[in-house]
PDB file of all heavy atoms in Angstrom:
ATOM      1  N   THR A   1     121.680  18.172  83.789  1.00  0.00           N
ATOM      2  CA  THR A   1     123.118  18.071  83.507  1.00  0.00           C
ATOM      3  C   THR A   1     123.621  19.363  82.877  1.00  0.00           C
ATOM      4  O   THR A   1     124.677  19.884  83.254  1.00  0.00           O
ATOM      5  CB  THR A   1     123.396  16.868  82.580  1.00  0.00           C
ATOM      6  OG1 THR A   1     122.964  15.673  83.248  1.00  0.00           O
ATOM      7  CG2 THR A   1     124.866  16.764  82.222  1.00  0.00           C
ATOM      8  N   HIS A   2     122.878  19.899  81.933  1.00  0.00           N
ATOM      9  CA  HIS A   2     123.231  21.160  81.276  1.00  0.00           C
ATOM     10  C   HIS A   2     123.354  22.277  82.310  1.00  0.00           C
ATOM     11  O   HIS A   2     124.321  23.048  82.301  1.00  0.00           O
ATOM     12  CB  HIS A   2     122.185  21.500  80.216  1.00  0.00           C
ATOM     13  CG  HIS A   2     122.403  22.787  79.512  1.00  0.00           C
ATOM     14  ND1 HIS A   2     123.321  22.940  78.495  1.00  0.00           N
ATOM     15  CD2 HIS A   2     121.837  24.015  79.678  1.00  0.00           C
ATOM     16  CE1 HIS A   2     123.301  24.197  78.066  1.00  0.00           C
ATOM     17  NE2 HIS A   2     122.412  24.866  78.765  1.00  0.00           N
ATOM     18  N   ALA A   3     122.373  22.371  83.198  1.00  0.00           N
ATOM     19  CA  ALA A   3     122.396  23.412  84.233  1.00  0.00           C
ATOM     20  C   ALA A   3     123.638  23.269  85.110  1.00  0.00           C
ATOM     21  O   ALA A   3     124.342  24.259  85.372  1.00  0.00           O
ATOM     22  CB  ALA A   3     121.129  23.339  85.081  1.00  0.00           C
ATOM     23  N   LEU A   4     123.905  22.055  85.547  1.00  0.00           N
ATOM     24  CA  LEU A   4     125.051  21.832  86.435  1.00  0.00           C
ATOM     25  C   LEU A   4     126.374  22.125  85.726  1.00  0.00           C
ATOM     26  O   LEU A   4     127.319  22.616  86.353  1.00  0.00           O
ATOM     27  CB  LEU A   4     125.022  20.410  86.995  1.00  0.00           C
ATOM     28  CG  LEU A   4     123.866  20.138  87.972  1.00  0.00           C
ATOM     29  CD1 LEU A   4     123.809  18.653  88.342  1.00  0.00           C
ATOM     30  CD2 LEU A   4     123.974  21.010  89.217  1.00  0.00           C
ATOM     31  N   GLU A   5     126.445  21.839  84.426  1.00  0.00           N
ATOM     32  CA  GLU A   5     127.655  22.160  83.656  1.00  0.00           C
ATOM     33  C   GLU A   5     127.896  23.667  83.622  1.00  0.00           C
ATOM     34  O   GLU A   5     129.027  24.109  83.467  1.00  0.00           O
ATOM     35  CB  GLU A   5     127.545  21.605  82.236  1.00  0.00           C
ATOM     36  CG  GLU A   5     127.713  20.105  82.172  1.00  0.00           C
ATOM     37  CD  GLU A   5     127.395  19.519  80.806  1.00  0.00           C
ATOM     38  OE1 GLU A   5     126.895  20.245  79.914  1.00  0.00           O
ATOM     39  OE2 GLU A   5     127.631  18.307  80.624  1.00  0.00           O
ATOM     40  N   LEU A   6     126.828  24.442  83.758  1.00  0.00           N
ATOM     41  CA  LEU A   6     126.933  25.903  83.789  1.00  0.00           C
ATOM     42  C   LEU A   6     127.035  26.434  85.222  1.00  0.00           C
ATOM     43  O   LEU A   6     126.969  27.642  85.445  1.00  0.00           O
ATOM     44  CB  LEU A   6     125.717  26.534  83.094  1.00  0.00           C
ATOM     45  CG  LEU A   6     125.573  26.235  81.605  1.00  0.00           C
ATOM     46  CD1 LEU A   6     124.245  26.764  81.078  1.00  0.00           C
ATOM     47  CD2 LEU A   6     126.736  26.810  80.812  1.00  0.00           C
ATOM     48  N   ASN A   7     127.190  25.505  86.179  1.00  0.00           N
ATOM     49  CA  ASN A   7     127.238  25.847  87.615  1.00  0.00           C
ATOM     50  C   ASN A   7     125.964  26.549  88.076  1.00  0.00           C
ATOM     51  O   ASN A   7     126.017  27.483  88.882  1.00  0.00           O
ATOM     52  CB  ASN A   7     128.474  26.691  87.946  1.00  0.00           C
ATOM     53  CG  ASN A   7     129.750  25.896  87.762  1.00  0.00           C
ATOM     54  OD1 ASN A   7     129.835  24.752  88.202  1.00  0.00           O
ATOM     55  ND2 ASN A   7     130.715  26.487  87.090  1.00  0.00           N
ATOM     56  N   ILE A   8     124.839  26.111  87.548  1.00  0.00           N
ATOM     57  CA  ILE A   8     123.525  26.636  87.930  1.00  0.00           C
ATOM     58  C   ILE A   8     122.736  25.479  88.535  1.00  0.00           C
ATOM     59  O   ILE A   8     122.678  24.400  87.948  1.00  0.00           O
ATOM     60  CB  ILE A   8     122.787  27.223  86.701  1.00  0.00           C
ATOM     61  CG1 ILE A   8     123.589  28.398  86.119  1.00  0.00           C
ATOM     62  CG2 ILE A   8     121.369  27.655  87.071  1.00  0.00           C
ATOM     63  CD1 ILE A   8     123.058  28.923  84.797  1.00  0.00           C
ATOM     64  N   ASN A   9     122.153  25.711  89.713  1.00  0.00           N
ATOM     65  CA  ASN A   9     121.446  24.607  90.358  1.00  0.00           C
ATOM     66  C   ASN A   9     119.934  24.803  90.463  1.00  0.00           C
ATOM     67  O   ASN A   9     119.255  24.062  91.162  1.00  0.00           O
ATOM     68  CB  ASN A   9     122.036  24.316  91.740  1.00  0.00           C
ATOM     69  CG  ASN A   9     121.729  25.402  92.746  1.00  0.00           C
ATOM     70  OD1 ASN A   9     121.271  26.484  92.383  1.00  0.00           O
ATOM     71  ND2 ASN A   9     121.980  25.121  94.008  1.00  0.00           N
ATOM     72  N   LYS A  10     119.402  25.791  89.760  1.00  0.00           N
ATOM     73  CA  LYS A  10     117.955  26.027  89.804  1.00  0.00           C
ATOM     74  C   LYS A  10     117.380  26.017  88.387  1.00  0.00           C
ATOM     75  O   LYS A  10     117.894  26.697  87.497  1.00  0.00           O
ATOM     76  CB  LYS A  10     117.639  27.362  90.463  1.00  0.00           C
ATOM     77  CG  LYS A  10     116.136  27.607  90.631  1.00  0.00           C
ATOM     78  CD  LYS A  10     115.804  29.034  91.055  1.00  0.00           C
ATOM     79  CE  LYS A  10     116.322  29.353  92.424  1.00  0.00           C
ATOM     80  NZ  LYS A  10     115.866  30.706  92.870  1.00  0.00           N
ATOM     81  N   ILE A  11     116.318  25.239  88.215  1.00  0.00           N
ATOM     82  CA  ILE A  11     115.591  25.200  86.945  1.00  0.00           C
ATOM     83  C   ILE A  11     114.179  25.688  87.213  1.00  0.00           C
ATOM     84  O   ILE A  11     113.530  25.226  88.161  1.00  0.00           O
ATOM     85  CB  ILE A  11     115.567  23.781  86.346  1.00  0.00           C
ATOM     86  CG1 ILE A  11     116.997  23.296  86.065  1.00  0.00           C
ATOM     87  CG2 ILE A  11     114.728  23.746  85.069  1.00  0.00           C
ATOM     88  CD1 ILE A  11     117.089  21.869  85.558  1.00  0.00           C
ATOM     89  N   VAL A  12     113.716  26.622  86.425  1.00  0.00           N
ATOM     90  CA  VAL A  12     112.348  27.133  86.549  1.00  0.00           C
ATOM     91  C   VAL A  12     111.607  26.903  85.237  1.00  0.00           C
ATOM     92  O   VAL A  12     112.225  26.774  84.174  1.00  0.00           O
ATOM     93  CB  VAL A  12     112.314  28.640  86.918  1.00  0.00           C
ATOM     94  CG1 VAL A  12     112.922  28.886  88.272  1.00  0.00           C
ATOM     95  CG2 VAL A  12     112.971  29.483  85.859  1.00  0.00           C
ATOM     96  N   MET A  13     110.307  26.851  85.341  1.00  0.00           N
ATOM     97  CA  MET A  13     109.479  26.639  84.162  1.00  0.00           C
ATOM     98  C   MET A  13     108.077  27.143  84.438  1.00  0.00           C
ATOM     99  O   MET A  13     107.731  27.421  85.592  1.00  0.00           O
ATOM    100  CB  MET A  13     109.440  25.163  83.795  1.00  0.00           C
ATOM    101  CG  MET A  13     108.783  24.307  84.855  1.00  0.00           C
ATOM    102  SD  MET A  13     108.742  22.568  84.450  1.00  0.00           S
ATOM    103  CE  MET A  13     108.095  22.599  82.820  1.00  0.00           C
ATOM    104  N   THR A  14     107.285  27.256  83.392  1.00  0.00           N
ATOM    105  CA  THR A  14     105.885  27.636  83.555  1.00  0.00           C
ATOM    106  C   THR A  14     105.008  26.584  82.878  1.00  0.00           C
ATOM    107  O   THR A  14     105.387  26.014  81.844  1.00  0.00           O
ATOM    108  CB  THR A  14     105.585  29.022  82.941  1.00  0.00           C
ATOM    109  OG1 THR A  14     105.982  29.026  81.564  1.00  0.00           O
ATOM    110  CG2 THR A  14     106.315  30.122  83.695  1.00  0.00           C
ATOM    111  N   VAL A  15     103.853  26.319  83.499  1.00  0.00           N
ATOM    112  CA  VAL A  15     102.880  25.367  82.964  1.00  0.00           C
ATOM    113  C   VAL A  15     101.506  26.024  83.077  1.00  0.00           C
ATOM    114  O   VAL A  15     101.218  26.679  84.084  1.00  0.00           O
ATOM    115  CB  VAL A  15     102.895  24.040  83.755  1.00  0.00           C
ATOM    116  CG1 VAL A  15     101.860  23.062  83.215  1.00  0.00           C
ATOM    117  CG2 VAL A  15     104.278  23.396  83.732  1.00  0.00           C
ATOM    118  N   ILE A  16     100.676  25.843  82.078  1.00  0.00           N
ATOM    119  CA  ILE A  16      99.319  26.381  82.135  1.00  0.00           C
ATOM    120  C   ILE A  16      98.613  25.813  83.361  1.00  0.00           C
ATOM    121  O   ILE A  16      98.601  24.606  83.589  1.00  0.00           O
ATOM    122  CB  ILE A  16      98.538  26.062  80.844  1.00  0.00           C
ATOM    123  CG1 ILE A  16      99.215  26.715  79.632  1.00  0.00           C
ATOM    124  CG2 ILE A  16      97.089  26.528  80.960  1.00  0.00           C
ATOM    125  CD1 ILE A  16      98.625  26.315  78.293  1.00  0.00           C
ATOM    126  N   SER A  17      98.029  26.702  84.152  1.00  0.00           N
ATOM    127  CA  SER A  17      97.498  26.341  85.470  1.00  0.00           C
ATOM    128  C   SER A  17      96.450  25.233  85.449  1.00  0.00           C
ATOM    129  O   SER A  17      96.391  24.440  86.400  1.00  0.00           O
ATOM    130  CB  SER A  17      96.913  27.578  86.155  1.00  0.00           C
ATOM    131  OG  SER A  17      95.886  28.129  85.349  1.00  0.00           O
ATOM    132  N   ILE A  18      95.660  25.141  84.406  1.00  0.00           N
ATOM    133  CA  ILE A  18      94.618  24.102  84.390  1.00  0.00           C
ATOM    134  C   ILE A  18      95.127  22.770  83.842  1.00  0.00           C
ATOM    135  O   ILE A  18      94.366  21.815  83.741  1.00  0.00           O
ATOM    136  CB  ILE A  18      93.347  24.566  83.640  1.00  0.00           C
ATOM    137  CG1 ILE A  18      93.646  24.936  82.201  1.00  0.00           C
ATOM    138  CG2 ILE A  18      92.694  25.716  84.377  1.00  0.00           C
ATOM    139  CD1 ILE A  18      92.405  25.329  81.391  1.00  0.00           C
ATOM    140  N   ARG A  19      96.425  22.678  83.573  1.00  0.00           N
ATOM    141  CA  ARG A  19      97.043  21.419  83.114  1.00  0.00           C
ATOM    142  C   ARG A  19      97.483  20.595  84.329  1.00  0.00           C
ATOM    143  O   ARG A  19      98.660  20.315  84.539  1.00  0.00           O
ATOM    144  CB  ARG A  19      98.240  21.718  82.210  1.00  0.00           C
ATOM    145  CG  ARG A  19      97.950  22.510  80.946  1.00  0.00           C
ATOM    146  CD  ARG A  19      97.106  21.751  79.928  1.00  0.00           C
ATOM    147  NE  ARG A  19      97.545  20.394  79.729  1.00  0.00           N
ATOM    148  CZ  ARG A  19      98.553  20.016  78.936  1.00  0.00           C
ATOM    149  NH1 ARG A  19      99.230  20.895  78.259  1.00  0.00           N
ATOM    150  NH2 ARG A  19      98.871  18.744  78.810  1.00  0.00           N
ATOM    151  N   GLU A  20      96.514  20.210  85.148  1.00  0.00           N
ATOM    152  CA  GLU A  20      96.800  19.555  86.418  1.00  0.00           C
ATOM    153  C   GLU A  20      97.612  18.268  86.264  1.00  0.00           C
ATOM    154  O   GLU A  20      98.506  17.999  87.067  1.00  0.00           O
ATOM    155  CB  GLU A  20      95.494  19.290  87.166  1.00  0.00           C
ATOM    156  CG  GLU A  20      94.807  20.572  87.592  1.00  0.00           C
ATOM    157  CD  GLU A  20      93.428  20.344  88.191  1.00  0.00           C
ATOM    158  OE1 GLU A  20      93.062  19.180  88.447  1.00  0.00           O
ATOM    159  OE2 GLU A  20      92.730  21.351  88.406  1.00  0.00           O
ATOM    160  N   GLU A  21      97.333  17.485  85.228  1.00  0.00           N
ATOM    161  CA  GLU A  21      98.057  16.227  85.031  1.00  0.00           C
ATOM    162  C   GLU A  21      99.525  16.500  84.677  1.00  0.00           C
ATOM    163  O   GLU A  21     100.418  15.758  85.085  1.00  0.00           O
ATOM    164  CB  GLU A  21      97.379  15.360  83.970  1.00  0.00           C
ATOM    165  CG  GLU A  21      97.539  15.825  82.528  1.00  0.00           C
ATOM    166  CD  GLU A  21      96.775  17.101  82.129  1.00  0.00           C
ATOM    167  OE1 GLU A  21      95.942  17.606  82.912  1.00  0.00           O
ATOM    168  OE2 GLU A  21      97.022  17.602  81.015  1.00  0.00           O
ATOM    169  N   LEU A  22      99.771  17.571  83.952  1.00  0.00           N
ATOM    170  CA  LEU A  22     101.140  17.923  83.586  1.00  0.00           C
ATOM    171  C   LEU A  22     101.897  18.481  84.794  1.00  0.00           C
ATOM    172  O   LEU A  22     103.058  18.122  85.026  1.00  0.00           O
ATOM    173  CB  LEU A  22     101.119  18.942  82.442  1.00  0.00           C
ATOM    174  CG  LEU A  22     102.427  19.201  81.711  1.00  0.00           C
ATOM    175  CD1 LEU A  22     103.052  17.910  81.210  1.00  0.00           C
ATOM    176  CD2 LEU A  22     102.189  20.160  80.550  1.00  0.00           C
ATOM    177  N   ILE A  23     101.237  19.315  85.572  1.00  0.00           N
ATOM    178  CA  ILE A  23     101.848  19.829  86.806  1.00  0.00           C
ATOM    179  C   ILE A  23     102.186  18.670  87.738  1.00  0.00           C
ATOM    180  O   ILE A  23     103.274  18.619  88.321  1.00  0.00           O
ATOM    181  CB  ILE A  23     100.927  20.868  87.482  1.00  0.00           C
ATOM    182  CG1 ILE A  23     100.833  22.127  86.607  1.00  0.00           C
ATOM    183  CG2 ILE A  23     101.428  21.213  88.886  1.00  0.00           C
ATOM    184  CD1 ILE A  23      99.748  23.107  87.023  1.00  0.00           C
ATOM    185  N   ALA A  24     101.288  17.700  87.850  1.00  0.00           N
ATOM    186  CA  ALA A  24     101.539  16.524  88.701  1.00  0.00           C
ATOM    187  C   ALA A  24     102.751  15.741  88.194  1.00  0.00           C
ATOM    188  O   ALA A  24     103.558  15.253  88.994  1.00  0.00           O
ATOM    189  CB  ALA A  24     100.301  15.630  88.749  1.00  0.00           C
ATOM    190  N   TRP A  25     102.908  15.626  86.869  1.00  0.00           N
ATOM    191  CA  TRP A  25     104.059  14.915  86.303  1.00  0.00           C
ATOM    192  C   TRP A  25     105.355  15.629  86.696  1.00  0.00           C
ATOM    193  O   TRP A  25     106.319  14.997  87.123  1.00  0.00           O
ATOM    194  CB  TRP A  25     103.921  14.836  84.776  1.00  0.00           C
ATOM    195  CG  TRP A  25     104.962  13.984  84.110  1.00  0.00           C
ATOM    196  CD1 TRP A  25     104.918  12.633  83.924  1.00  0.00           C
ATOM    197  CD2 TRP A  25     106.206  14.423  83.535  1.00  0.00           C
ATOM    198  NE1 TRP A  25     106.060  12.212  83.274  1.00  0.00           N
ATOM    199  CE2 TRP A  25     106.854  13.286  83.023  1.00  0.00           C
ATOM    200  CE3 TRP A  25     106.815  15.661  83.411  1.00  0.00           C
ATOM    201  CZ2 TRP A  25     108.087  13.354  82.386  1.00  0.00           C
ATOM    202  CZ3 TRP A  25     108.053  15.724  82.776  1.00  0.00           C
ATOM    203  CH2 TRP A  25     108.675  14.583  82.274  1.00  0.00           C
ATOM    204  N   TYR A  26     105.369  16.952  86.568  1.00  0.00           N
ATOM    205  CA  TYR A  26     106.562  17.704  86.959  1.00  0.00           C
ATOM    206  C   TYR A  26     106.806  17.613  88.467  1.00  0.00           C
ATOM    207  O   TYR A  26     107.960  17.522  88.898  1.00  0.00           O
ATOM    208  CB  TYR A  26     106.470  19.164  86.501  1.00  0.00           C
ATOM    209  CG  TYR A  26     106.727  19.322  85.023  1.00  0.00           C
ATOM    210  CD1 TYR A  26     105.712  19.708  84.158  1.00  0.00           C
ATOM    211  CD2 TYR A  26     107.985  19.071  84.485  1.00  0.00           C
ATOM    212  CE1 TYR A  26     105.951  19.845  82.793  1.00  0.00           C
ATOM    213  CE2 TYR A  26     108.228  19.202  83.131  1.00  0.00           C
ATOM    214  CZ  TYR A  26     107.208  19.591  82.289  1.00  0.00           C
ATOM    215  OH  TYR A  26     107.459  19.714  80.940  1.00  0.00           O
ATOM    216  N   ASN A  27     105.753  17.616  89.258  1.00  0.00           N
ATOM    217  CA  ASN A  27     105.903  17.440  90.712  1.00  0.00           C
ATOM    218  C   ASN A  27     106.583  16.109  91.012  1.00  0.00           C
ATOM    219  O   ASN A  27     107.481  16.045  91.863  1.00  0.00           O
ATOM    220  CB  ASN A  27     104.555  17.491  91.430  1.00  0.00           C
ATOM    221  CG  ASN A  27     103.914  18.861  91.466  1.00  0.00           C
ATOM    222  OD1 ASN A  27     102.711  18.972  91.690  1.00  0.00           O
ATOM    223  ND2 ASN A  27     104.675  19.921  91.252  1.00  0.00           N
ATOM    224  N   ARG A  28     106.169  15.058  90.323  1.00  0.00           N
ATOM    225  CA  ARG A  28     106.783  13.733  90.529  1.00  0.00           C
ATOM    226  C   ARG A  28     108.258  13.728  90.135  1.00  0.00           C
ATOM    227  O   ARG A  28     109.017  12.860  90.558  1.00  0.00           O
ATOM    228  CB  ARG A  28     106.027  12.659  89.745  1.00  0.00           C
ATOM    229  CG  ARG A  28     104.666  12.334  90.320  1.00  0.00           C
ATOM    230  CD  ARG A  28     104.057  11.079  89.706  1.00  0.00           C
ATOM    231  NE  ARG A  28     103.902  11.111  88.270  1.00  0.00           N
ATOM    232  CZ  ARG A  28     102.849  11.633  87.614  1.00  0.00           C
ATOM    233  NH1 ARG A  28     101.859  12.199  88.292  1.00  0.00           N
ATOM    234  NH2 ARG A  28     102.795  11.582  86.299  1.00  0.00           N
ATOM    235  N   HIS A  29     108.663  14.691  89.317  1.00  0.00           N
ATOM    236  CA  HIS A  29     110.058  14.781  88.874  1.00  0.00           C
ATOM    237  C   HIS A  29     110.825  15.887  89.594  1.00  0.00           C
ATOM    238  O   HIS A  29     111.845  16.364  89.109  1.00  0.00           O
ATOM    239  CB  HIS A  29     110.115  14.922  87.354  1.00  0.00           C
ATOM    240  CG  HIS A  29     109.669  13.671  86.672  1.00  0.00           C
ATOM    241  ND1 HIS A  29     108.352  13.423  86.365  1.00  0.00           N
ATOM    242  CD2 HIS A  29     110.346  12.565  86.306  1.00  0.00           C
ATOM    243  CE1 HIS A  29     108.251  12.230  85.823  1.00  0.00           C
ATOM    244  NE2 HIS A  29     109.452  11.689  85.773  1.00  0.00           N
ATOM    245  N   GLY A  30     110.307  16.285  90.756  1.00  0.00           N
ATOM    246  CA  GLY A  30     111.056  17.176  91.632  1.00  0.00           C
ATOM    247  C   GLY A  30     110.754  18.657  91.511  1.00  0.00           C
ATOM    248  O   GLY A  30     111.371  19.462  92.209  1.00  0.00           O
ATOM    249  N   PHE A  31     109.836  19.045  90.651  1.00  0.00           N
ATOM    250  CA  PHE A  31     109.486  20.452  90.516  1.00  0.00           C
ATOM    251  C   PHE A  31     108.394  20.807  91.520  1.00  0.00           C
ATOM    252  O   PHE A  31     107.482  20.021  91.759  1.00  0.00           O
ATOM    253  CB  PHE A  31     108.995  20.768  89.092  1.00  0.00           C
ATOM    254  CG  PHE A  31     110.103  20.823  88.087  1.00  0.00           C
ATOM    255  CD1 PHE A  31     110.581  19.668  87.488  1.00  0.00           C
ATOM    256  CD2 PHE A  31     110.687  22.037  87.740  1.00  0.00           C
ATOM    257  CE1 PHE A  31     111.607  19.707  86.562  1.00  0.00           C
ATOM    258  CE2 PHE A  31     111.712  22.088  86.818  1.00  0.00           C
ATOM    259  CZ  PHE A  31     112.181  20.929  86.227  1.00  0.00           C
TER     260      PHE A  31
END
């Protein structure tokens, strides 16, 4: 919502590569 209020439609982030369960969680949420 914050991004869209700023007219920005891309969100980027970084996750430690060996945090597979966390990467999977973000994948399930569209990342």
